[in-house]
C-alpha atoms as a PDB file:
ATOM      1  CA  MET A   1      13.543  42.385  30.465  1.00  0.00           C
ATOM      2  CA  SER A   2      17.144  42.964  29.483  1.00  0.00           C
ATOM      3  CA  ILE A   3      18.105  44.581  26.208  1.00  0.00           C
ATOM      4  CA  ARG A   4      21.178  43.247  24.474  1.00  0.00           C
ATOM      5  CA  ILE A   5      23.450  45.493  22.403  1.00  0.00           C
ATOM      6  CA  TYR A   6      26.073  44.309  19.911  1.00  0.00           C
ATOM      7  CA  ILE A   7      29.353  46.228  20.032  1.00  0.00           C
ATOM      8  CA  GLY A   8      31.727  45.405  17.203  1.00  0.00           C
ATOM      9  CA  ASN A   9      34.958  46.526  15.589  1.00  0.00           C
ATOM     10  CA  LEU A  10      36.802  46.554  18.898  1.00  0.00           C
ATOM     11  CA  PRO A  11      40.539  47.149  18.394  1.00  0.00           C
ATOM     12  CA  GLN A  12      43.262  44.576  18.938  1.00  0.00           C
ATOM     13  CA  GLY A  13      44.812  44.864  22.383  1.00  0.00           C
ATOM     14  CA  PHE A  14      41.403  45.887  23.668  1.00  0.00           C
ATOM     15  CA  ASN A  15      41.359  46.943  27.342  1.00  0.00           C
ATOM     16  CA  PRO A  16      38.005  45.984  28.961  1.00  0.00           C
ATOM     17  CA  LYS A  17      38.497  48.318  31.942  1.00  0.00           C
ATOM     18  CA  GLU A  18      39.056  51.316  29.685  1.00  0.00           C
ATOM     19  CA  PHE A  19      35.983  50.408  27.616  1.00  0.00           C
ATOM     20  CA  ASP A  20      33.905  49.910  30.794  1.00  0.00           C
ATOM     21  CA  SER A  21      34.731  53.458  31.840  1.00  0.00           C
ATOM     22  CA  ILE A  22      33.411  54.723  28.498  1.00  0.00           C
ATOM     23  CA  LEU A  23      30.190  52.740  28.974  1.00  0.00           C
ATOM     24  CA  LYS A  24      29.818  53.985  32.556  1.00  0.00           C
ATOM     25  CA  SER A  25      30.096  57.573  31.291  1.00  0.00           C
ATOM     26  CA  VAL A  26      26.968  56.920  29.218  1.00  0.00           C
ATOM     27  CA  SER A  27      25.057  55.004  31.917  1.00  0.00           C
ATOM     28  CA  ASP A  28      25.827  53.109  35.135  1.00  0.00           C
ATOM     29  CA  SER A  29      23.380  50.281  34.466  1.00  0.00           C
ATOM     30  CA  ILE A  30      25.235  48.796  31.473  1.00  0.00           C
ATOM     31  CA  ARG A  31      27.131  45.517  31.714  1.00  0.00           C
ATOM     32  CA  PHE A  32      29.591  44.525  28.959  1.00  0.00           C
ATOM     33  CA  LYS A  33      31.129  41.179  28.107  1.00  0.00           C
ATOM     34  CA  ALA A  34      33.664  40.757  25.324  1.00  0.00           C
ATOM     35  CA  VAL A  35      33.607  37.558  23.251  1.00  0.00           C
ATOM     36  CA  LEU A  36      36.943  35.795  23.726  1.00  0.00           C
ATOM     37  CA  ASP A  37      38.814  33.347  21.525  1.00  0.00           C
ATOM     38  CA  LYS A  38      38.786  29.865  23.053  1.00  0.00           C
ATOM     39  CA  ASP A  39      42.479  29.230  22.464  1.00  0.00           C
ATOM     40  CA  THR A  40      44.189  32.581  22.963  1.00  0.00           C
ATOM     41  CA  LYS A  41      41.665  34.083  25.428  1.00  0.00           C
ATOM     42  CA  GLU A  42      41.938  37.393  23.539  1.00  0.00           C
ATOM     43  CA  CYS A  43      38.959  39.478  22.445  1.00  0.00           C
ATOM     44  CA  ARG A  44      37.606  38.458  19.037  1.00  0.00           C
ATOM     45  CA  GLY A  45      36.770  42.070  18.165  1.00  0.00           C
ATOM     46  CA  PHE A  46      33.215  42.219  19.442  1.00  0.00           C
ATOM     47  CA  GLY A  47      31.101  41.799  22.530  1.00  0.00           C
ATOM     48  CA  PHE A  48      27.665  42.373  23.998  1.00  0.00           C
ATOM     49  CA  ALA A  49      26.358  44.944  26.442  1.00  0.00           C
ATOM     50  CA  THR A  50      23.140  44.482  28.380  1.00  0.00           C
ATOM     51  CA  THR A  51      20.885  46.970  30.078  1.00  0.00           C
ATOM     52  CA  ASN A  52      17.410  46.817  31.603  1.00  0.00           C
ATOM     53  CA  ASN A  53      16.288  50.167  30.280  1.00  0.00           C
ATOM     54  CA  GLU A  54      15.362  50.827  26.635  1.00  0.00           C
ATOM     55  CA  GLU A  55      16.315  54.483  26.986  1.00  0.00           C
ATOM     56  CA  ASN A  56      19.834  53.483  28.087  1.00  0.00           C
ATOM     57  CA  ALA A  57      20.128  51.132  25.124  1.00  0.00           C
ATOM     58  CA  CYS A  58      19.159  53.896  22.686  1.00  0.00           C
ATOM     59  CA  LEU A  59      21.537  56.291  24.412  1.00  0.00           C
ATOM     60  CA  VAL A  60      24.469  53.847  24.138  1.00  0.00           C
ATOM     61  CA  ILE A  61      23.771  53.257  20.453  1.00  0.00           C
ATOM     62  CA  GLU A  62      23.448  56.975  19.778  1.00  0.00           C
ATOM     63  CA  LYS A  63      26.635  57.918  21.647  1.00  0.00           C
ATOM     64  CA  LEU A  64      28.930  55.025  20.702  1.00  0.00           C
ATOM     65  CA  ASN A  65      27.979  54.009  17.146  1.00  0.00           C
ATOM     66  CA  GLY A  66      30.828  55.386  15.023  1.00  0.00           C
ATOM     67  CA  PHE A  67      32.757  56.442  18.153  1.00  0.00           C
ATOM     68  CA  GLU A  68      36.510  56.145  17.662  1.00  0.00           C
ATOM     69  CA  PHE A  69      38.065  53.898  20.323  1.00  0.00           C
ATOM     70  CA  ASN A  70      41.830  53.263  20.138  1.00  0.00           C
ATOM     71  CA  GLY A  71      41.895  53.839  16.381  1.00  0.00           C
ATOM     72  CA  SER A  72      38.769  51.835  15.501  1.00  0.00           C
ATOM     73  CA  LYS A  73      35.295  53.182  14.815  1.00  0.00           C
ATOM     74  CA  LEU A  74      32.863  51.143  16.885  1.00  0.00           C
ATOM     75  CA  ARG A  75      29.775  49.524  15.428  1.00  0.00           C
ATOM     76  CA  VAL A  76      26.965  49.573  17.982  1.00  0.00           C
ATOM     77  CA  GLU A  77      23.451  48.251  17.352  1.00  0.00           C
ATOM     78  CA  LEU A  78      20.665  46.269  18.980  1.00  0.00           C
ATOM     79  CA  SER A  79      21.432  42.582  19.038  1.00  0.00           C
ATOM     80  CA  GLU A  80      18.928  40.089  17.700  1.00  0.00           C
ATOM     81  CA  LYS A  81      18.501  37.160  20.048  1.00  0.00           C
ATOM     82  CA  LYS A  82      18.771  33.886  18.225  1.00  0.00           C
ATOM     83  CA  ASP A  83      16.613  31.014  19.364  1.00  0.00           C
ATOM     84  CA  SER A  84      18.884  27.977  19.121  1.00  0.00           C
ATOM     85  CA  SER A  85      16.054  25.412  18.997  1.00  0.00           C
ATOM     86  CA  SER A  86      14.294  27.003  16.028  1.00  0.00           C
ATOM     87  CA  LYS A  87      17.612  27.618  14.275  1.00  0.00           C
ATOM     88  CA  ARG A  88      18.365  23.892  14.283  1.00  0.00           C
ATOM     89  CA  ASN A  89      14.984  23.030  12.798  1.00  0.00           C
ATOM     90  CA  GLY A  90      15.183  25.722  10.156  1.00  0.00           C
ATOM     91  CA  SER A  91      11.834  27.225  11.175  1.00  0.00           C
ATOM     92  CA  ASN A  92      13.415  30.624  11.781  1.00  0.00           C
ATOM     93  CA  LEU A  93      14.209  31.196   8.095  1.00  0.00           C
ATOM     94  CA  ASN A  94      10.864  32.783   7.155  1.00  0.00           C
ATOM     95  CA  LYS A  95      10.726  34.945  10.276  1.00  0.00           C
ATOM     96  CA  ASN A  96      14.003  36.700   9.523  1.00  0.00           C
ATOM     97  CA  LYS A  97      13.265  38.714   6.367  1.00  0.00           C
ATOM     98  CA  LYS A  98      16.121  41.159   6.927  1.00  0.00           C
ATOM     99  CA  ARG A  99      18.671  38.722   5.537  1.00  0.00           C
ATOM    100  CA  LYS A 100      19.361  38.781   1.832  1.00  0.00           C
ATOM    101  CA  ASP A 101      18.064  35.912  -0.246  1.00  0.00           C
ATOM    102  CA  PHE A 102      20.856  34.136  -2.071  1.00  0.00           C
ATOM    103  CA  LYS A 103      21.566  30.697  -3.407  1.00  0.00           C
ATOM    104  CA  LYS A 104      23.661  28.627  -1.072  1.00  0.00           C
ATOM    105  CA  ILE A 105      26.188  26.199  -2.456  1.00  0.00           C
ATOM    106  CA  VAL A 106      25.837  22.964  -0.570  1.00  0.00           C
ATOM    107  CA  HIS A 107      28.628  20.462  -0.815  1.00  0.00           C
ATOM    108  CA  SER A 108      27.479  16.917  -0.480  1.00  0.00           C
ATOM    109  CA  ASP A 109      28.720  13.375  -0.853  1.00  0.00           C
ATOM    110  CA  ALA A 110      25.438  12.468  -2.552  1.00  0.00           C
ATOM    111  CA  PRO A 111      25.860  11.217  -6.120  1.00  0.00           C
ATOM    112  CA  ASN A 112      25.321  13.668  -8.940  1.00  0.00           C
ATOM    113  CA  LEU A 113      22.360  12.486 -11.007  1.00  0.00           C
ATOM    114  CA  GLU A 114      23.802  13.911 -14.234  1.00  0.00           C
ATOM    115  CA  ALA A 115      27.090  11.992 -14.200  1.00  0.00           C
ATOM    116  CA  PRO A 116      27.914   8.414 -13.238  1.00  0.00           C
ATOM    117  CA  ASP A 117      29.655   7.742  -9.967  1.00  0.00           C
ATOM    118  CA  PRO A 118      33.420   7.913 -10.682  1.00  0.00           C
ATOM    119  CA  ARG A 119      34.059   4.943  -8.401  1.00  0.00           C
ATOM    120  CA  TRP A 120      32.149   2.732 -10.874  1.00  0.00           C
ATOM    121  CA  ALA A 121      33.426   4.290 -14.117  1.00  0.00           C
ATOM    122  CA  GLY A 122      35.658   1.316 -14.987  1.00  0.00           C
ATOM    123  CA  GLU A 123      32.913  -1.227 -14.354  1.00  0.00           C
ATOM    124  CA  LEU A 124      30.417   0.877 -16.292  1.00  0.00           C
ATOM    125  CA  SER A 125      32.637   1.029 -19.389  1.00  0.00           C
ATOM    126  CA  LYS A 126      33.079  -2.784 -19.278  1.00  0.00           C
ATOM    127  CA  LEU A 127      29.317  -3.236 -19.069  1.00  0.00           C
ATOM    128  CA  LYS A 128      28.775  -0.889 -22.010  1.00  0.00           C
ATOM    129  CA  ASP A 129      31.291  -2.887 -24.078  1.00  0.00           C
ATOM    130  CA  LEU A 130      29.547  -6.195 -23.194  1.00  0.00           C
ATOM    131  CA  LEU A 131      26.163  -4.783 -24.213  1.00  0.00           C
ATOM    132  CA  ALA A 132      27.536  -3.363 -27.467  1.00  0.00           C
ATOM    133  CA  ASN A 133      29.145  -6.698 -28.414  1.00  0.00           C
ATOM    134  CA  GLN A 134      26.122  -8.789 -27.479  1.00  0.00           C
ATOM    135  CA  LYS A 135      24.353 -10.375 -30.410  1.00  0.00           C
ATOM    136  CA  THR A 136      20.591 -10.257 -30.480  1.00  0.00           C
ATOM    137  CA  PRO A 137      18.779 -13.497 -31.478  1.00  0.00           C
ATOM    138  CA  ALA A 138      17.017 -13.361 -34.805  1.00  0.00           C
END
Protein backbone atom coordinates (compact mmCIF):
# COMPACT_ATOMS: atom_id res chain seq x y z
CA MET A 1 0.00 0.00 0.00
CA SER A 2 1.42 3.37 -0.96
CA ILE A 3 1.35 6.33 1.38
CA ARG A 4 0.72 9.72 -0.16
CA ILE A 5 2.28 12.89 1.25
CA TYR A 6 1.20 16.45 0.46
CA ILE A 7 4.06 18.90 -0.05
CA GLY A 8 2.97 22.51 -0.30
CA ASN A 9 4.31 26.04 -0.37
CA LEU A 10 6.80 25.22 -3.11
CA PRO A 11 8.53 28.37 -4.39
CA GLN A 12 8.01 29.93 -7.80
CA GLY A 13 10.64 28.81 -10.29
CA PHE A 14 10.66 25.46 -8.53
CA ASN A 15 13.32 23.03 -9.81
CA PRO A 16 12.05 19.41 -9.57
CA LYS A 17 15.54 17.90 -9.90
CA GLU A 18 16.86 19.95 -7.00
CA PHE A 19 13.84 18.99 -4.87
CA ASP A 20 14.24 15.31 -5.84
CA SER A 21 17.79 15.39 -4.50
CA ILE A 22 16.47 16.68 -1.16
CA LEU A 23 13.90 13.87 -1.05
CA LYS A 24 16.52 11.27 -1.98
CA SER A 25 18.68 12.47 0.93
CA VAL A 26 15.83 11.49 3.25
CA SER A 27 14.99 8.18 1.52
CA ASP A 28 15.54 6.54 -1.87
CA SER A 29 12.06 5.03 -2.10
CA ILE A 30 10.17 8.34 -2.42
CA ARG A 31 8.62 9.45 -5.70
CA PHE A 32 7.47 13.07 -6.14
CA LYS A 33 5.16 14.64 -8.69
CA ALA A 34 4.46 18.36 -8.78
CA VAL A 35 0.96 19.55 -9.73
CA LEU A 36 1.26 21.65 -12.89
CA ASP A 37 -0.93 24.40 -14.28
CA LYS A 38 -2.77 23.21 -17.39
CA ASP A 39 -2.03 26.33 -19.41
CA THR A 40 1.45 27.42 -18.37
CA LYS A 41 2.81 23.97 -17.40
CA GLU A 42 4.43 25.57 -14.34
CA CYS A 43 4.20 24.17 -10.82
CA ARG A 44 1.12 25.38 -8.94
CA GLY A 45 3.04 25.49 -5.65
CA PHE A 46 2.34 22.00 -4.39
CA GLY A 47 2.74 18.35 -5.24
CA PHE A 48 2.51 14.83 -3.86
CA ALA A 49 5.15 12.35 -2.81
CA THR A 50 4.47 8.64 -2.49
CA THR A 51 6.28 5.94 -0.60
CA ASN A 52 5.51 2.33 0.29
CA ASN A 53 6.88 2.51 3.80
CA GLU A 54 5.12 4.27 6.69
CA GLU A 55 8.44 4.91 8.41
CA ASN A 56 9.71 6.76 5.32
CA ALA A 57 6.54 8.85 5.23
CA CYS A 58 6.97 9.86 8.87
CA LEU A 59 10.64 10.60 8.28
CA VAL A 60 9.87 12.86 5.29
CA ILE A 61 7.24 14.76 7.26
CA GLU A 62 9.55 15.13 10.24
CA LYS A 63 12.54 16.31 8.19
CA LEU A 64 10.83 18.52 5.60
CA ASN A 65 7.85 20.13 7.35
CA GLY A 66 8.97 23.73 7.93
CA PHE A 67 12.17 23.14 5.92
CA GLU A 68 13.25 26.25 4.03
CA PHE A 69 13.57 25.54 0.30
CA ASN A 70 14.56 28.45 -1.98
CA GLY A 71 13.08 31.02 0.40
CA SER A 72 9.83 29.18 1.19
CA LYS A 73 9.05 27.10 4.26
CA LEU A 74 7.58 23.82 3.06
CA ARG A 75 4.34 22.41 4.39
CA VAL A 76 4.53 18.62 4.51
CA GLU A 77 1.76 16.36 5.81
CA LEU A 78 -0.05 13.11 5.07
CA SER A 79 -2.47 13.49 2.21
CA GLU A 80 -6.07 12.40 2.60
CA LYS A 81 -7.23 10.39 -0.38
CA LYS A 82 -10.52 11.66 -1.69
CA ASP A 83 -12.98 9.16 -3.07
CA SER A 84 -14.45 10.89 -6.13
CA SER A 85 -17.61 8.74 -6.27
CA SER A 86 -18.67 9.47 -2.70
CA LYS A 87 -17.74 13.14 -3.07
CA ARG A 88 -20.22 13.53 -5.92
CA ASN A 89 -23.03 11.96 -3.92
CA GLY A 90 -22.29 13.98 -0.82
CA SER A 91 -22.02 10.87 1.36
CA ASN A 92 -18.50 11.80 2.45
CA LEU A 93 -19.64 14.86 4.41
CA ASN A 94 -20.32 13.06 7.71
CA LYS A 95 -17.14 10.98 7.52
CA ASN A 96 -14.86 14.00 7.37
CA LYS A 97 -15.27 15.63 10.79
CA LYS A 98 -11.97 17.50 10.61
CA ARG A 99 -13.46 20.22 8.43
CA LYS A 100 -15.04 23.20 10.12
CA ASP A 101 -18.80 23.49 10.03
CA PHE A 102 -19.91 26.70 8.40
CA LYS A 103 -22.89 27.97 6.49
CA LYS A 104 -22.38 27.89 2.76
CA ILE A 105 -23.87 30.59 0.60
CA VAL A 106 -25.47 28.93 -2.37
CA HIS A 107 -26.32 31.07 -5.35
CA SER A 108 -29.29 29.83 -7.26
CA ASP A 109 -31.62 30.85 -10.04
CA ALA A 110 -34.54 29.49 -8.01
CA PRO A 111 -37.14 32.12 -7.12
CA ASN A 112 -36.97 33.70 -3.69
CA LEU A 113 -40.15 32.81 -1.80
CA GLU A 114 -40.14 36.09 0.13
CA ALA A 115 -40.21 38.44 -2.87
CA PRO A 116 -42.06 38.26 -6.17
CA ASP A 117 -40.16 37.35 -9.30
CA PRO A 118 -38.84 40.65 -10.76
CA ARG A 119 -39.63 39.48 -14.29
CA TRP A 120 -43.36 39.60 -13.41
CA ALA A 121 -43.33 42.77 -11.29
CA GLY A 122 -45.09 44.89 -13.94
CA GLU A 123 -47.81 42.30 -14.53
CA LEU A 124 -48.25 41.82 -10.79
CA SER A 125 -48.82 45.54 -10.16
CA LYS A 126 -51.44 45.63 -12.97
CA LEU A 127 -53.23 42.66 -11.42
CA LYS A 128 -53.20 44.32 -7.99
CA ASP A 129 -54.73 47.48 -9.50
CA LEU A 130 -57.48 45.44 -11.25
CA LEU A 131 -58.34 43.66 -8.00
CA ALA A 132 -58.38 46.91 -6.02
CA ASN A 133 -60.71 48.59 -8.54
CA GLN A 134 -63.05 45.62 -8.85
CA LYS A 135 -66.48 46.18 -7.38
CA THR A 136 -67.98 43.42 -5.31
CA PRO A 137 -71.68 42.59 -5.95
CA ALA A 138 -74.02 43.49 -3.14
